[in-house]
């Protein structure tokens, strides 16, 4: 992985998101010592619709970091998908720490031998 906007990073991030989000409407949950918050914004016009999801992942304590990931979905007036764009920005901390954390989550999942299981601590809020 070359950075937080690398395709491999987004692939692992997406797997982690789908495996740990308790339900699609959930806006806040924990993965170990990382606090995950999600905001969703939508707009619909006559010729298009757009949805923007903004994810904030925060690791407090030693080696603190904050990551923001934005996912845009665009559709035409008939509901056909036009484009999906994803980008990430390190708000605070070292990008290598964030990448290392994500890779550690993948190693835990692989060690469990169950592709959909990720270690979670803390009750979803």
Foldseek 3Di string as FASTA:
>chain_A
DPFCFDPVNVVLVVLVCVLPQPDPVFAWFFAVQKTKGKDKDKDDDQFKIKIKIWIWIWHDDPQTWIKIKIWMWMATNVGHTDDIDIDMDTPDGDRVVVVVVSVVQVVQCVVVVHSSDTHGDDDGD
